[in-house]
């Protein structure tokens, strides 16, 4: 897999984080990733919590499926979310 773009962006419309499947409203700052693997292009958005989780571990520990960063280690993900977003129990829009 080759990463073509990986940068923070302020979104113009709602997007779901690929790592935790939460929906974020327009105007959110998310990491935008565009990559190519075996000639297939892929684009994804990552919330700050999932981006931080992936920066601290081997991304292949979590796999590449939708929502897997959160679902593979919910306790660690929730602890990171609480640290970064506060202790609010309700994510943006769901």
C-alpha atoms as a PDB file:
ATOM      1  CA  UNK A   1       0.000   0.000   0.000  1.00  0.00           C
ATOM      2  CA  UNK A   2       1.261   3.466  -0.886  1.00  0.00           C
ATOM      3  CA  UNK A   3      -0.040   6.569   0.870  1.00  0.00           C
ATOM      4  CA  UNK A   4      -0.596   9.446  -1.546  1.00  0.00           C
ATOM      5  CA  UNK A   5      -2.134  11.989   0.855  1.00  0.00           C
ATOM      6  CA  UNK A   6      -2.334  12.009   4.641  1.00  0.00           C
ATOM      7  CA  UNK A   7      -3.224  15.402   6.084  1.00  0.00           C
ATOM      8  CA  UNK A   8      -5.671  17.093   8.438  1.00  0.00           C
ATOM      9  CA  UNK A   9      -8.639  18.723   6.705  1.00  0.00           C
ATOM     10  CA  UNK A  10     -11.658  20.720   7.816  1.00  0.00           C
ATOM     11  CA  UNK A  11     -14.577  18.868   6.273  1.00  0.00           C
ATOM     12  CA  UNK A  12     -17.225  20.537   4.123  1.00  0.00           C
ATOM     13  CA  UNK A  13     -19.813  17.823   4.707  1.00  0.00           C
ATOM     14  CA  UNK A  14     -20.429  15.091   7.284  1.00  0.00           C
ATOM     15  CA  UNK A  15     -18.068  12.105   7.229  1.00  0.00           C
ATOM     16  CA  UNK A  16     -17.676   8.862   9.134  1.00  0.00           C
ATOM     17  CA  UNK A  17     -14.351   7.983  10.726  1.00  0.00           C
ATOM     18  CA  UNK A  18     -12.995   4.793   9.178  1.00  0.00           C
ATOM     19  CA  UNK A  19     -11.464   3.699  12.492  1.00  0.00           C
ATOM     20  CA  UNK A  20     -14.476   4.010  14.810  1.00  0.00           C
ATOM     21  CA  UNK A  21     -17.447   4.489  12.432  1.00  0.00           C
ATOM     22  CA  UNK A  22     -18.651   7.604  14.290  1.00  0.00           C
ATOM     23  CA  UNK A  23     -20.213  10.331  12.179  1.00  0.00           C
ATOM     24  CA  UNK A  24     -18.681  13.816  12.372  1.00  0.00           C
ATOM     25  CA  UNK A  25     -20.520  16.942  11.198  1.00  0.00           C
ATOM     26  CA  UNK A  26     -19.343  19.334   8.509  1.00  0.00           C
ATOM     27  CA  UNK A  27     -16.644  21.620   9.850  1.00  0.00           C
ATOM     28  CA  UNK A  28     -14.875  18.873  11.808  1.00  0.00           C
ATOM     29  CA  UNK A  29     -11.111  18.492  11.537  1.00  0.00           C
ATOM     30  CA  UNK A  30     -10.311  14.920  10.454  1.00  0.00           C
ATOM     31  CA  UNK A  31      -7.263  13.237   8.946  1.00  0.00           C
ATOM     32  CA  UNK A  32      -7.830  12.594   5.242  1.00  0.00           C
ATOM     33  CA  UNK A  33      -5.991   9.623   3.785  1.00  0.00           C
ATOM     34  CA  UNK A  34      -5.752   8.646   0.150  1.00  0.00           C
ATOM     35  CA  UNK A  35      -3.816   5.532  -0.789  1.00  0.00           C
ATOM     36  CA  UNK A  36      -3.382   3.029  -3.564  1.00  0.00           C
ATOM     37  CA  UNK A  37      -2.952  -0.727  -3.193  1.00  0.00           C
ATOM     38  CA  UNK A  38      -2.541  -3.046  -6.187  1.00  0.00           C
ATOM     39  CA  UNK A  39      -3.931  -0.324  -8.456  1.00  0.00           C
ATOM     40  CA  UNK A  40      -7.015   0.302  -6.296  1.00  0.00           C
ATOM     41  CA  UNK A  41      -7.416   3.804  -4.865  1.00  0.00           C
ATOM     42  CA  UNK A  42      -8.963   4.289  -1.446  1.00  0.00           C
ATOM     43  CA  UNK A  43      -9.972   7.369   0.541  1.00  0.00           C
ATOM     44  CA  UNK A  44     -10.818   7.578   4.216  1.00  0.00           C
ATOM     45  CA  UNK A  45     -11.280  10.023   7.058  1.00  0.00           C
ATOM     46  CA  UNK A  46      -9.922   9.411  10.557  1.00  0.00           C
ATOM     47  CA  UNK A  47     -10.976  11.187  13.753  1.00  0.00           C
ATOM     48  CA  UNK A  48      -8.239  12.504  16.080  1.00  0.00           C
ATOM     49  CA  UNK A  49      -8.782   9.617  18.526  1.00  0.00           C
ATOM     50  CA  UNK A  50      -8.308   6.892  15.905  1.00  0.00           C
ATOM     51  CA  UNK A  51      -5.400   8.738  14.285  1.00  0.00           C
ATOM     52  CA  UNK A  52      -3.681   8.929  17.701  1.00  0.00           C
ATOM     53  CA  UNK A  53      -4.375   5.248  18.423  1.00  0.00           C
ATOM     54  CA  UNK A  54      -2.816   4.268  15.101  1.00  0.00           C
ATOM     55  CA  UNK A  55       0.225   6.467  15.718  1.00  0.00           C
ATOM     56  CA  UNK A  56       0.956   4.651  18.979  1.00  0.00           C
ATOM     57  CA  UNK A  57       0.610   1.037  17.834  1.00  0.00           C
ATOM     58  CA  UNK A  58       1.236  -1.068  14.761  1.00  0.00           C
ATOM     59  CA  UNK A  59      -1.763  -0.309  12.488  1.00  0.00           C
ATOM     60  CA  UNK A  60      -1.864  -3.937  11.366  1.00  0.00           C
ATOM     61  CA  UNK A  61      -2.752  -4.960  14.942  1.00  0.00           C
ATOM     62  CA  UNK A  62      -6.212  -3.518  14.291  1.00  0.00           C
ATOM     63  CA  UNK A  63      -6.685  -4.545  10.681  1.00  0.00           C
ATOM     64  CA  UNK A  64      -8.097  -2.302   8.006  1.00  0.00           C
ATOM     65  CA  UNK A  65     -11.823  -2.895   8.254  1.00  0.00           C
ATOM     66  CA  UNK A  66     -14.388  -0.194   8.956  1.00  0.00           C
ATOM     67  CA  UNK A  67     -14.741   0.529  12.676  1.00  0.00           C
ATOM     68  CA  UNK A  68     -11.991  -1.884  13.683  1.00  0.00           C
ATOM     69  CA  UNK A  69      -9.738   0.535  15.565  1.00  0.00           C
ATOM     70  CA  UNK A  70     -12.466   1.024  18.166  1.00  0.00           C
ATOM     71  CA  UNK A  71     -13.927  -2.479  18.074  1.00  0.00           C
ATOM     72  CA  UNK A  72     -10.632  -4.358  18.489  1.00  0.00           C
ATOM     73  CA  UNK A  73      -9.766  -2.701  21.797  1.00  0.00           C
ATOM     74  CA  UNK A  74     -12.777  -0.786  23.100  1.00  0.00           C
ATOM     75  CA  UNK A  75     -11.285  -0.137  26.561  1.00  0.00           C
ATOM     76  CA  UNK A  76      -8.098   1.461  25.194  1.00  0.00           C
ATOM     77  CA  UNK A  77     -10.047   3.387  22.575  1.00  0.00           C
ATOM     78  CA  UNK A  78     -12.516   4.735  25.174  1.00  0.00           C
ATOM     79  CA  UNK A  79      -9.626   5.737  27.460  1.00  0.00           C
ATOM     80  CA  UNK A  80      -7.960   7.610  24.602  1.00  0.00           C
ATOM     81  CA  UNK A  81     -11.269   9.256  23.650  1.00  0.00           C
ATOM     82  CA  UNK A  82     -11.862  10.377  27.235  1.00  0.00           C
ATOM     83  CA  UNK A  83      -8.335  11.790  27.397  1.00  0.00           C
ATOM     84  CA  UNK A  84      -8.666  13.671  24.089  1.00  0.00           C
ATOM     85  CA  UNK A  85     -12.352  14.634  24.033  1.00  0.00           C
ATOM     86  CA  UNK A  86     -13.229  14.772  27.718  1.00  0.00           C
ATOM     87  CA  UNK A  87     -15.543  12.388  29.514  1.00  0.00           C
ATOM     88  CA  UNK A  88     -18.635  13.050  27.413  1.00  0.00           C
ATOM     89  CA  UNK A  89     -20.412   9.756  26.698  1.00  0.00           C
ATOM     90  CA  UNK A  90     -22.071  10.866  23.473  1.00  0.00           C
ATOM     91  CA  UNK A  91     -19.952  11.120  20.294  1.00  0.00           C
ATOM     92  CA  UNK A  92     -20.748  13.807  17.717  1.00  0.00           C
ATOM     93  CA  UNK A  93     -23.985  12.820  15.921  1.00  0.00           C
ATOM     94  CA  UNK A  94     -24.206   9.364  17.306  1.00  0.00           C
END
